[in-house]
Amino acid sequence: MIKRIKAFLKEVKIELKKVVFPTKDELIGSTWVVIISTIIVAVFLGMVDITLTKLVRLILR
């Protein structure tokens, strides 16, 4: 069991050497994309919610 754990950790170390981590500028750029996309989707869903609420109220009158 100990051999398997050591082999696993060795493979993890090898795979981690292959990983290319983003630079600080790439990370900041990606973060802004996520923030802006989230805001756009939130505004869109809010508008759809308001529109559907008004439509349902109009139908139920």
N, C-alpha and C. Protein backbone atom coordinates (compact mmCIF):
# COMPACT_ATOMS: atom_id res chain seq x y z
N MET A 1 0.82 -1.19 0.00
CA MET A 1 0.00 0.00 0.00
C MET A 1 0.87 1.26 0.00
N ILE A 2 1.94 1.26 0.79
CA ILE A 2 2.84 2.41 0.86
C ILE A 2 3.51 2.63 -0.50
N LYS A 3 3.86 1.55 -1.20
CA LYS A 3 4.49 1.66 -2.52
C LYS A 3 3.55 2.35 -3.50
N ARG A 4 2.28 1.98 -3.43
CA ARG A 4 1.31 2.58 -4.35
C ARG A 4 1.15 4.07 -4.09
N ILE A 5 1.14 4.44 -2.81
CA ILE A 5 1.02 5.86 -2.47
C ILE A 5 2.25 6.63 -2.94
N LYS A 6 3.43 6.08 -2.73
CA LYS A 6 4.66 6.73 -3.18
C LYS A 6 4.67 6.87 -4.71
N ALA A 7 4.24 5.81 -5.41
CA ALA A 7 4.19 5.86 -6.88
C ALA A 7 3.21 6.93 -7.34
N PHE A 8 2.06 7.00 -6.67
CA PHE A 8 1.06 8.00 -7.02
C PHE A 8 1.63 9.41 -6.83
N LEU A 9 2.24 9.67 -5.69
CA LEU A 9 2.80 11.00 -5.42
C LEU A 9 3.92 11.35 -6.39
N LYS A 10 4.70 10.35 -6.79
CA LYS A 10 5.76 10.59 -7.78
C LYS A 10 5.15 11.00 -9.11
N GLU A 11 4.08 10.31 -9.52
CA GLU A 11 3.40 10.66 -10.77
C GLU A 11 2.77 12.04 -10.70
N VAL A 12 2.22 12.38 -9.54
CA VAL A 12 1.65 13.72 -9.36
C VAL A 12 2.72 14.78 -9.53
N LYS A 13 3.88 14.55 -8.95
CA LYS A 13 4.99 15.50 -9.06
C LYS A 13 5.41 15.67 -10.52
N ILE A 14 5.48 14.56 -11.26
CA ILE A 14 5.85 14.61 -12.68
C ILE A 14 4.82 15.40 -13.48
N GLU A 15 3.54 15.15 -13.21
CA GLU A 15 2.48 15.85 -13.94
C GLU A 15 2.45 17.33 -13.60
N LEU A 16 2.73 17.68 -12.35
CA LEU A 16 2.74 19.09 -11.97
C LEU A 16 3.84 19.87 -12.67
N LYS A 17 4.92 19.21 -13.03
CA LYS A 17 5.99 19.88 -13.76
C LYS A 17 5.56 20.25 -15.18
N LYS A 18 4.55 19.54 -15.70
CA LYS A 18 4.06 19.81 -17.05
C LYS A 18 3.05 20.95 -17.10
N VAL A 19 2.53 21.33 -15.95
CA VAL A 19 1.49 22.37 -15.89
C VAL A 19 2.10 23.73 -16.19
N VAL A 20 1.41 24.50 -17.02
CA VAL A 20 1.82 25.87 -17.31
C VAL A 20 0.86 26.80 -16.60
N PHE A 21 1.34 27.44 -15.54
CA PHE A 21 0.50 28.34 -14.78
C PHE A 21 0.44 29.70 -15.47
N PRO A 22 -0.72 30.40 -15.39
CA PRO A 22 -0.84 31.70 -16.05
C PRO A 22 0.00 32.76 -15.36
N THR A 23 0.39 33.75 -16.15
CA THR A 23 1.11 34.88 -15.57
C THR A 23 0.12 35.77 -14.81
N LYS A 24 0.66 36.72 -14.08
CA LYS A 24 -0.20 37.61 -13.30
C LYS A 24 -1.14 38.39 -14.21
N ASP A 25 -0.61 38.88 -15.34
CA ASP A 25 -1.44 39.66 -16.28
C ASP A 25 -2.54 38.80 -16.90
N GLU A 26 -2.22 37.55 -17.25
CA GLU A 26 -3.23 36.65 -17.81
C GLU A 26 -4.32 36.36 -16.78
N LEU A 27 -3.91 36.18 -15.55
CA LEU A 27 -4.86 35.88 -14.48
C LEU A 27 -5.79 37.06 -14.23
N ILE A 28 -5.24 38.26 -14.22
CA ILE A 28 -6.06 39.46 -14.03
C ILE A 28 -7.02 39.64 -15.20
N GLY A 29 -6.54 39.41 -16.42
CA GLY A 29 -7.40 39.52 -17.59
C GLY A 29 -8.54 38.51 -17.56
N SER A 30 -8.24 37.30 -17.20
CA SER A 30 -9.27 36.26 -17.11
C SER A 30 -10.28 36.59 -16.02
N THR A 31 -9.80 37.15 -14.92
CA THR A 31 -10.71 37.52 -13.83
C THR A 31 -11.68 38.60 -14.28
N TRP A 32 -11.19 39.57 -15.02
CA TRP A 32 -12.08 40.62 -15.53
C TRP A 32 -13.12 40.06 -16.49
N VAL A 33 -12.71 39.12 -17.32
CA VAL A 33 -13.66 38.50 -18.24
C VAL A 33 -14.78 37.81 -17.46
N VAL A 34 -14.42 37.10 -16.42
CA VAL A 34 -15.42 36.40 -15.60
C VAL A 34 -16.35 37.39 -14.91
N ILE A 35 -15.78 38.45 -14.34
CA ILE A 35 -16.60 39.45 -13.63
C ILE A 35 -17.58 40.12 -14.58
N ILE A 36 -17.08 40.56 -15.74
CA ILE A 36 -17.94 41.25 -16.70
C ILE A 36 -19.00 40.31 -17.26
N SER A 37 -18.63 39.08 -17.57
CA SER A 37 -19.60 38.10 -18.06
C SER A 37 -20.69 37.84 -17.03
N THR A 38 -20.30 37.74 -15.77
CA THR A 38 -21.27 37.50 -14.71
C THR A 38 -22.24 38.67 -14.58
N ILE A 39 -21.74 39.87 -14.67
CA ILE A 39 -22.60 41.06 -14.58
C ILE A 39 -23.57 41.09 -15.76
N ILE A 40 -23.09 40.81 -16.97
CA ILE A 40 -23.95 40.82 -18.15
C ILE A 40 -25.06 39.78 -18.02
N VAL A 41 -24.72 38.58 -17.60
CA VAL A 41 -25.72 37.53 -17.44
C VAL A 41 -26.72 37.90 -16.35
N ALA A 42 -26.24 38.48 -15.24
CA ALA A 42 -27.13 38.87 -14.14
C ALA A 42 -28.12 39.94 -14.59
N VAL A 43 -27.64 40.93 -15.34
CA VAL A 43 -28.54 41.98 -15.84
C VAL A 43 -29.55 41.39 -16.81
N PHE A 44 -29.12 40.53 -17.70
CA PHE A 44 -30.03 39.89 -18.66
C PHE A 44 -31.11 39.09 -17.93
N LEU A 45 -30.70 38.26 -16.98
CA LEU A 45 -31.68 37.44 -16.25
C LEU A 45 -32.62 38.31 -15.42
N GLY A 46 -32.11 39.40 -14.88
CA GLY A 46 -32.97 40.33 -14.14
C GLY A 46 -34.02 40.94 -15.04
N MET A 47 -33.62 41.34 -16.25
CA MET A 47 -34.59 41.91 -17.20
C MET A 47 -35.63 40.88 -17.62
N VAL A 48 -35.20 39.65 -17.87
CA VAL A 48 -36.14 38.59 -18.23
C VAL A 48 -37.10 38.34 -17.08
N ASP A 49 -36.62 38.32 -15.86
CA ASP A 49 -37.46 38.10 -14.70
C ASP A 49 -38.50 39.20 -14.56
N ILE A 50 -38.09 40.44 -14.69
CA ILE A 50 -39.03 41.56 -14.58
C ILE A 50 -40.07 41.49 -15.68
N THR A 51 -39.65 41.20 -16.90
CA THR A 51 -40.58 41.11 -18.03
C THR A 51 -41.59 39.99 -17.82
N LEU A 52 -41.12 38.83 -17.43
CA LEU A 52 -42.04 37.71 -17.22
C LEU A 52 -42.98 37.96 -16.04
N THR A 53 -42.49 38.64 -15.00
CA THR A 53 -43.35 38.97 -13.86
C THR A 53 -44.48 39.90 -14.30
N LYS A 54 -44.15 40.92 -15.08
CA LYS A 54 -45.17 41.83 -15.58
C LYS A 54 -46.15 41.13 -16.50
N LEU A 55 -45.64 40.23 -17.33
CA LEU A 55 -46.51 39.49 -18.25
C LEU A 55 -47.48 38.58 -17.48
N VAL A 56 -47.02 37.91 -16.47
CA VAL A 56 -47.88 37.04 -15.67
C VAL A 56 -48.92 37.86 -14.93
N ARG A 57 -48.51 39.00 -14.36
CA ARG A 57 -49.48 39.87 -13.67
C ARG A 57 -50.54 40.37 -14.64
N LEU A 58 -50.14 40.70 -15.86
CA LEU A 58 -51.08 41.18 -16.87
C LEU A 58 -52.08 40.07 -17.24
N ILE A 59 -51.58 38.85 -17.38
CA ILE A 59 -52.45 37.73 -17.75
C ILE A 59 -53.42 37.39 -16.62
N LEU A 60 -52.97 37.47 -15.37
CA LEU A 60 -53.81 37.08 -14.24
C LEU A 60 -54.82 38.13 -13.81
N ARG A 61 -54.77 39.32 -14.38
CA ARG A 61 -55.75 40.36 -14.03
C ARG A 61 -57.11 40.06 -14.54
